[in-house]
Amino acid sequence: MNEIKLLILDDDQKVIGSFESAIKRINRDKEKDFGYKVHTANTLDEAKDIIKYKKLDTAIIDLNLNNGNQTAPDNSEGNQAIKELMQNFRMPIFVVSGEPEKLEPTLRDNNLIKLYPRDQFNNGFENIIPPLFFSKSIHYFAKDGFLEQKINKFYWEHLSQTIKSWESVEGEYPGEIEKILSRHTLSCLNEELYVNGNVGSFDKYHPGEMYIIPPIKQHCHTGDIVEKENELFIILNPACDIVNSGNLDYFILVKVVEFDSLKILIEKINPQADPAVSFYDRLNQGGKSRYDDCKANKKDRFHYLPKFDIFDDKLIDFQQVSTKEKEEINHDDVKASISSPFLKDIIARFSAYYARQGQPNFL
């Protein structure tokens, strides 16, 4: 049976008792494939001790911990407990409060911090927590999840072989060693995942791997998708010009367009197609994806951007190039960044498109 390790932080013992009674009933249910191990706390200090010494999978947090004591009328202790959990664990957190407006704005905007009115959560928590606990996407980042297992394997099987050399690097570059090792670790993990089973066949990538949403860099950079006047563009300046800002006066912007906004593309998909058949159906005839269709038709002018999260399927149109002074583009305009493996391909195709020489026709 899977055991969900749960922290309940509430200054009202009756509320904690109600949760404990419901959990005892759940644990007795032999048809369920999970149960709970519960840790309870009435104060922030008690919660800190549990956070420090216990392994947790999730938590139920009450914002108002002053129990009538007006020394903390702003519910700062509940917010602080959430921050303590965020510093020590990677897990979903459930905030249950009669004053949901007291949750700090920076915490309210986090999709892994779930805010519920007390009545709604108390009456349905047994159906709310398990789906997130069993989510592979969330558990991937947990302390016993896939990522930690891969890092542990890398540490013992690879880094251990070269640790003396890395200690020498640390002596030369003490202020940079963490960044250097981080890049090296990511490169090694990517090396393992790049080839499927190390038998020479490449894995297929999911569209979500193409984007970094929201962007991580704190400044505009090559591969950023920016929005200006309700239109999307991708920055394709050479990265060295952006890093050496003295060389940069203008951003090179290449337009990102919708599929059905380009008549030339519609015609090239299937010139003989029945006009009654929709454009999207033509793109997907024969089970082909939009990417496969564009690739098969060698449309060097376009580069496919797949649908994921905030983006529908789109195309980079290498013929629609413009510039804007660097002061006209700021970080708030950036909606996403293209991740490195995919950005290299876009830059190569952009360069190749304008480097074509062709061949004249002969008499």
Protein backbone atom coordinates (compact mmCIF):
# COMPACT_ATOMS: atom_id res chain seq x y z
CA MET A 1 0.00 0.00 0.00
CA ASN A 2 1.20 3.52 -0.84
CA GLU A 3 1.59 5.68 2.24
CA ILE A 4 0.96 9.41 1.88
CA LYS A 5 2.99 11.27 4.51
CA LEU A 6 0.84 14.24 5.43
CA LEU A 7 1.44 17.30 7.60
CA ILE A 8 -1.65 18.99 9.05
CA LEU A 9 -0.96 22.45 10.49
CA ASP A 10 -3.92 24.06 12.24
CA ASP A 11 -4.27 25.81 15.59
CA ASP A 12 -7.77 24.39 16.10
CA GLN A 13 -7.51 20.92 17.63
CA LYS A 14 -11.11 20.17 16.66
CA VAL A 15 -10.22 20.66 12.99
CA ILE A 16 -7.21 18.39 13.32
CA GLY A 17 -9.36 15.81 15.12
CA SER A 18 -11.88 15.89 12.28
CA PHE A 19 -9.16 15.22 9.71
CA GLU A 20 -7.68 12.42 11.83
CA SER A 21 -11.07 10.70 12.16
CA ALA A 22 -11.61 10.82 8.39
CA ILE A 23 -8.10 9.51 7.77
CA LYS A 24 -8.58 6.58 10.16
CA ARG A 25 -11.67 5.64 8.17
CA ILE A 26 -9.71 5.85 4.90
CA ASN A 27 -6.86 3.74 6.33
CA ARG A 28 -9.33 1.02 7.33
CA ASP A 29 -10.71 0.80 3.80
CA LYS A 30 -9.02 -2.29 2.37
CA GLU A 31 -10.20 -1.50 -1.16
CA LYS A 32 -7.99 1.58 -1.33
CA ASP A 33 -4.40 1.20 -2.50
CA PHE A 34 -3.17 4.05 -0.31
CA GLY A 35 -3.27 5.24 3.27
CA TYR A 36 -1.99 8.18 5.32
CA LYS A 37 0.72 8.67 7.91
CA VAL A 38 -0.21 11.92 9.64
CA HIS A 39 1.97 14.48 11.41
CA THR A 40 0.08 17.26 13.18
CA ALA A 41 1.14 20.68 14.44
CA ASN A 42 -0.68 23.53 16.14
CA THR A 43 2.03 26.17 15.76
CA LEU A 44 4.64 27.29 13.27
CA ASP A 45 7.46 26.11 15.57
CA GLU A 46 5.95 22.61 15.83
CA ALA A 47 5.59 22.52 12.05
CA LYS A 48 9.24 23.56 11.59
CA ASP A 49 10.38 20.61 13.71
CA ILE A 50 8.34 18.19 11.59
CA ILE A 51 9.60 19.75 8.37
CA LYS A 52 13.18 19.45 9.62
CA TYR A 53 13.09 15.82 10.73
CA LYS A 54 10.29 14.05 8.81
CA LYS A 55 9.76 13.05 5.21
CA LEU A 56 6.59 14.57 3.81
CA ASP A 57 4.58 14.08 0.62
CA THR A 58 2.06 16.88 1.07
CA ALA A 59 0.60 19.25 3.65
CA ILE A 60 -2.67 20.87 4.70
CA ILE A 61 -1.99 24.38 6.01
CA ASP A 62 -4.30 26.79 7.83
CA LEU A 63 -3.34 30.42 7.28
CA ASN A 64 -4.68 31.74 10.57
CA LEU A 65 -2.49 30.27 13.33
CA ASN A 66 -2.90 32.93 15.99
CA ASN A 67 -5.86 31.15 17.68
CA GLY A 68 -7.31 34.44 18.83
CA ASN A 69 -3.90 35.91 19.60
CA GLN A 70 -3.64 39.27 17.87
CA THR A 71 0.17 39.23 17.72
CA ALA A 72 -0.03 37.80 14.21
CA PRO A 73 -3.20 39.32 12.74
CA ASP A 74 -1.83 39.28 9.17
CA ASN A 75 -1.65 35.48 9.06
CA SER A 76 2.09 35.73 8.48
CA GLU A 77 2.75 32.44 10.32
CA GLY A 78 0.64 30.43 7.88
CA ASN A 79 2.41 32.02 4.94
CA GLN A 80 5.76 31.38 6.63
CA ALA A 81 4.93 27.70 7.09
CA ILE A 82 4.28 27.40 3.36
CA LYS A 83 7.65 29.01 2.61
CA GLU A 84 9.37 26.58 4.99
CA LEU A 85 7.83 23.67 3.12
CA MET A 86 8.90 25.15 -0.24
CA GLN A 87 12.48 25.45 0.97
CA ASN A 88 12.64 21.82 2.07
CA PHE A 89 10.33 19.82 -0.19
CA ARG A 90 9.04 19.55 -3.73
CA MET A 91 5.36 18.66 -3.28
CA PRO A 92 1.81 20.03 -3.63
CA ILE A 93 0.58 22.13 -0.69
CA PHE A 94 -3.07 22.56 0.23
CA VAL A 95 -4.03 25.85 1.89
CA VAL A 96 -7.35 25.63 3.70
CA SER A 97 -8.65 28.85 5.18
CA GLY A 98 -11.73 30.89 5.89
CA GLU A 99 -9.70 33.92 4.83
CA PRO A 100 -8.19 32.88 1.48
CA GLU A 101 -7.42 36.50 0.63
CA LYS A 102 -4.69 36.43 3.28
CA LEU A 103 -2.53 34.08 1.18
CA GLU A 104 0.40 36.14 -0.12
CA PRO A 105 0.07 37.05 -3.83
CA THR A 106 3.35 35.37 -4.78
CA LEU A 107 2.09 32.11 -3.24
CA ARG A 108 -1.40 32.44 -4.70
CA ASP A 109 -0.01 32.47 -8.25
CA ASN A 110 1.79 29.14 -7.74
CA ASN A 111 -0.07 26.23 -9.36
CA LEU A 112 1.37 23.75 -6.85
CA ILE A 113 -0.16 25.65 -3.94
CA LYS A 114 -3.85 24.78 -3.97
CA LEU A 115 -6.16 27.21 -2.17
CA TYR A 116 -9.51 25.94 -0.88
CA PRO A 117 -12.33 27.33 1.28
CA ARG A 118 -12.51 25.25 4.45
CA ASP A 119 -15.94 23.68 3.83
CA GLN A 120 -15.13 22.64 0.29
CA PHE A 121 -11.85 20.96 1.24
CA ASN A 122 -12.99 19.32 4.47
CA ASN A 123 -15.84 17.57 2.68
CA GLY A 124 -13.77 16.31 -0.24
CA PHE A 125 -10.09 16.12 0.69
CA GLU A 126 -9.93 12.34 0.30
CA ASN A 127 -10.65 12.84 -3.42
CA ILE A 128 -8.41 15.91 -3.78
CA ILE A 129 -5.04 14.75 -2.42
CA PRO A 130 -4.53 11.27 -4.00
CA PRO A 131 -4.60 12.34 -7.69
CA LEU A 132 -1.73 14.74 -7.05
CA PHE A 133 0.18 12.22 -4.94
CA PHE A 134 0.00 9.67 -7.76
CA SER A 135 0.82 12.23 -10.46
CA LYS A 136 4.04 11.11 -12.18
CA SER A 137 4.69 14.69 -13.28
CA ILE A 138 4.78 15.88 -9.66
CA HIS A 139 6.51 12.81 -8.23
CA TYR A 140 9.28 13.14 -10.83
CA PHE A 141 10.68 16.05 -8.79
CA ALA A 142 10.14 14.52 -5.34
CA LYS A 143 13.14 13.59 -3.17
CA ASP A 144 12.65 9.92 -4.05
CA GLY A 145 11.52 10.62 -7.61
CA PHE A 146 13.04 9.86 -11.00
CA LEU A 147 15.26 12.95 -11.13
CA GLU A 148 16.86 12.27 -7.75
CA GLN A 149 17.42 8.63 -8.71
CA LYS A 150 19.23 9.71 -11.89
CA ILE A 151 21.36 12.24 -10.00
CA ASN A 152 22.22 9.60 -7.39
CA LYS A 153 23.24 7.16 -10.11
CA PHE A 154 25.37 9.83 -11.82
CA TYR A 155 27.04 10.70 -8.50
CA TRP A 156 28.13 7.15 -7.70
CA GLU A 157 28.81 5.76 -11.19
CA HIS A 158 30.32 8.77 -12.97
CA LEU A 159 31.30 11.69 -10.76
CA SER A 160 33.04 9.36 -8.33
CA GLN A 161 35.49 8.45 -11.11
CA THR A 162 36.65 12.05 -11.64
CA ILE A 163 36.07 13.68 -8.24
CA LYS A 164 39.79 14.41 -7.67
CA SER A 165 39.94 16.36 -10.92
CA TRP A 166 36.83 18.31 -9.97
CA GLU A 167 38.38 19.17 -6.62
CA SER A 168 41.30 20.67 -8.54
CA VAL A 169 38.84 22.71 -10.63
CA GLU A 170 37.24 23.90 -7.40
CA GLY A 171 40.64 25.14 -6.21
CA GLU A 172 41.08 27.17 -9.41
CA TYR A 173 37.51 28.46 -9.71
CA PRO A 174 35.90 28.40 -6.23
CA GLY A 175 33.28 30.97 -7.19
CA GLU A 176 32.24 29.11 -10.34
CA ILE A 177 32.43 25.45 -9.35
CA GLU A 178 28.69 25.07 -8.64
CA LYS A 179 27.73 26.41 -12.07
CA ILE A 180 30.42 24.30 -13.75
CA LEU A 181 29.26 21.12 -12.01
CA SER A 182 25.61 21.93 -12.72
CA ARG A 183 26.28 22.23 -16.45
CA HIS A 184 28.37 19.04 -16.39
CA THR A 185 25.67 17.12 -14.51
CA LEU A 186 22.94 18.24 -16.91
CA SER A 187 25.09 17.31 -19.90
CA CYS A 188 25.68 13.82 -18.51
CA LEU A 189 22.01 13.28 -17.68
CA ASN A 190 21.05 14.46 -21.15
CA GLU A 191 23.62 12.11 -22.65
CA GLU A 192 21.92 9.15 -20.98
CA LEU A 193 18.44 10.20 -22.05
CA TYR A 194 19.35 11.35 -25.57
CA VAL A 195 19.66 7.86 -27.04
CA ASN A 196 16.93 5.33 -26.33
CA GLY A 197 18.51 2.45 -24.45
CA ASN A 198 21.95 3.32 -25.84
CA VAL A 199 21.28 1.13 -28.86
CA GLY A 200 21.53 3.83 -31.48
CA SER A 201 17.87 4.84 -31.83
CA PHE A 202 17.00 8.39 -30.84
CA ASP A 203 14.13 9.09 -28.49
CA LYS A 204 11.18 11.10 -29.71
CA TYR A 205 10.72 14.44 -28.00
CA HIS A 206 7.46 15.82 -26.63
CA PRO A 207 6.46 19.33 -27.79
CA GLY A 208 6.59 20.54 -24.18
CA GLU A 209 10.36 20.02 -24.18
CA MET A 210 10.72 22.73 -26.81
CA TYR A 211 9.60 25.59 -24.57
CA ILE A 212 10.73 27.14 -21.31
CA ILE A 213 7.58 28.72 -19.82
CA PRO A 214 7.87 31.18 -18.17
CA PRO A 215 11.37 32.15 -19.36
CA ILE A 216 14.24 31.72 -16.92
CA LYS A 217 16.70 34.30 -18.22
CA GLN A 218 16.17 37.75 -16.74
CA HIS A 219 16.99 39.52 -20.01
CA CYS A 220 15.99 39.09 -23.65
CA HIS A 221 18.03 36.49 -25.50
CA THR A 222 18.26 34.50 -28.72
CA GLY A 223 15.31 32.13 -29.00
CA ASP A 224 12.93 34.19 -26.89
CA ILE A 225 9.36 34.40 -28.19
CA VAL A 226 8.12 37.95 -27.62
CA GLU A 227 4.72 39.55 -28.03
CA LYS A 228 4.42 43.05 -29.47
CA GLU A 229 1.11 44.64 -30.45
CA ASN A 230 -0.67 41.26 -30.19
CA GLU A 231 1.76 39.60 -32.59
CA LEU A 232 4.43 37.02 -31.82
CA PHE A 233 8.08 37.13 -32.92
CA ILE A 234 11.20 35.11 -32.16
CA ILE A 235 14.53 36.82 -31.49
CA LEU A 236 17.23 35.40 -33.78
CA ASN A 237 20.22 37.68 -33.20
CA PRO A 238 23.54 35.87 -32.82
CA ALA A 239 23.87 35.10 -29.11
CA CYS A 240 27.33 36.68 -28.98
CA ASP A 241 25.88 40.06 -29.99
CA ILE A 242 23.34 39.91 -27.16
CA VAL A 243 25.90 38.82 -24.56
CA ASN A 244 28.26 41.58 -25.72
CA SER A 245 25.53 44.23 -25.54
CA GLY A 246 27.85 46.86 -26.98
CA ASN A 247 27.45 45.10 -30.33
CA LEU A 248 23.65 45.18 -30.17
CA ASP A 249 21.57 48.10 -31.44
CA TYR A 250 18.62 46.19 -32.85
CA PHE A 251 16.82 42.93 -32.16
CA ILE A 252 16.25 40.76 -35.25
CA LEU A 253 12.65 39.60 -35.04
CA VAL A 254 11.19 36.83 -37.19
CA LYS A 255 7.42 36.61 -37.20
CA VAL A 256 5.56 33.67 -35.69
CA VAL A 257 2.32 33.08 -37.60
CA GLU A 258 -0.79 30.94 -37.51
CA PHE A 259 -1.00 28.07 -40.00
CA ASP A 260 -4.16 29.27 -41.70
CA SER A 261 -2.92 32.85 -42.11
CA LEU A 262 -0.64 31.92 -45.01
CA LYS A 263 -2.28 31.30 -48.37
CA ILE A 264 0.99 30.07 -49.85
CA LEU A 265 1.21 27.32 -47.25
CA ILE A 266 -2.39 26.23 -47.74
CA GLU A 267 -1.82 25.89 -51.47
CA LYS A 268 1.39 23.91 -51.05
CA ILE A 269 -0.15 21.44 -48.63
CA ASN A 270 -2.34 20.01 -51.38
CA PRO A 271 -3.02 22.18 -54.45
CA GLN A 272 -5.64 19.73 -55.77
CA ALA A 273 -7.51 19.41 -52.49
CA ASP A 274 -11.24 19.75 -52.36
CA PRO A 275 -11.87 23.35 -51.19
CA ALA A 276 -14.68 22.02 -49.02
CA VAL A 277 -12.11 20.13 -46.92
CA SER A 278 -10.81 22.31 -44.11
CA PHE A 279 -7.20 23.40 -43.97
CA TYR A 280 -6.64 21.58 -40.71
CA ASP A 281 -8.07 18.34 -42.13
CA ARG A 282 -5.78 18.65 -45.14
CA LEU A 283 -2.80 19.06 -42.85
CA ASN A 284 -3.65 15.87 -41.02
CA GLN A 285 -4.78 13.71 -43.96
CA GLY A 286 -3.35 10.23 -43.85
CA GLY A 287 -2.56 10.51 -40.17
CA LYS A 288 0.32 12.90 -40.75
CA SER A 289 1.07 15.50 -38.14
CA ARG A 290 1.55 19.11 -39.17
CA TYR A 291 5.26 18.72 -38.52
CA ASP A 292 5.54 15.67 -40.81
CA ASP A 293 3.59 17.43 -43.54
CA CYS A 294 5.78 20.54 -43.45
CA LYS A 295 8.89 18.39 -43.41
CA ALA A 296 7.73 16.23 -46.30
CA ASN A 297 7.00 19.27 -48.44
CA LYS A 298 10.46 20.79 -47.75
CA LYS A 299 9.08 24.17 -46.87
CA ASP A 300 12.38 25.81 -46.02
CA ARG A 301 10.60 29.09 -45.46
CA PHE A 302 8.81 27.82 -42.37
CA HIS A 303 9.75 26.18 -39.10
CA TYR A 304 7.10 24.40 -37.04
CA LEU A 305 6.35 25.36 -33.43
CA PRO A 306 4.12 22.69 -31.84
CA LYS A 307 1.17 23.27 -29.56
CA PHE A 308 1.85 23.30 -25.82
CA ASP A 309 0.50 25.20 -22.83
CA ILE A 310 0.02 28.86 -23.89
CA PHE A 311 0.74 28.21 -27.59
CA ASP A 312 -1.34 26.72 -30.38
CA ASP A 313 0.42 25.22 -33.41
CA LYS A 314 2.38 27.96 -35.15
CA LEU A 315 5.09 28.56 -37.73
CA ILE A 316 8.18 30.72 -37.87
CA ASP A 317 8.10 32.48 -41.24
CA PHE A 318 11.70 33.20 -42.25
CA GLN A 319 10.55 35.68 -44.91
CA GLN A 320 8.91 37.99 -42.38
CA VAL A 321 11.94 39.56 -40.75
CA SER A 322 12.00 42.94 -39.01
CA THR A 323 14.08 44.82 -36.46
CA LYS A 324 13.35 46.86 -33.38
CA GLU A 325 15.70 48.96 -31.33
CA LYS A 326 16.83 47.05 -28.27
CA GLU A 327 15.09 49.55 -25.98
CA GLU A 328 11.73 48.65 -27.56
CA ILE A 329 11.92 45.02 -26.36
CA ASN A 330 11.96 44.24 -22.65
CA HIS A 331 11.75 41.13 -20.53
CA ASP A 332 8.02 41.61 -19.87
CA ASP A 333 7.40 41.02 -23.59
CA VAL A 334 8.92 37.52 -23.45
CA LYS A 335 6.29 34.75 -23.31
CA ALA A 336 8.62 31.75 -23.60
CA SER A 337 12.11 30.69 -24.59
CA ILE A 338 13.05 27.93 -27.03
CA SER A 339 15.22 25.34 -25.27
CA SER A 340 18.75 24.82 -26.51
CA PRO A 341 18.49 21.58 -28.58
CA PHE A 342 15.59 23.00 -30.61
CA LEU A 343 17.02 26.53 -30.87
CA LYS A 344 20.13 25.22 -32.62
CA ASP A 345 17.96 23.72 -35.36
CA ILE A 346 15.97 26.95 -35.82
CA ILE A 347 19.14 29.04 -36.11
CA ALA A 348 20.67 26.56 -38.58
CA ARG A 349 17.57 26.60 -40.77
CA PHE A 350 17.29 30.40 -40.59
CA SER A 351 20.92 30.72 -41.67
CA ALA A 352 20.54 28.11 -44.40
CA TYR A 353 17.41 29.80 -45.76
CA TYR A 354 19.27 33.05 -46.45
CA ALA A 355 22.46 31.28 -47.56
CA ARG A 356 20.78 29.46 -50.46
CA GLN A 357 22.45 30.10 -53.77
CA GLY A 358 20.33 27.98 -56.05
CA GLN A 359 21.28 27.17 -59.63
CA PRO A 360 20.37 29.08 -62.78
CA ASN A 361 18.26 27.46 -65.47
CA PHE A 362 20.19 26.40 -68.54
CA LEU A 363 19.05 26.89 -72.13
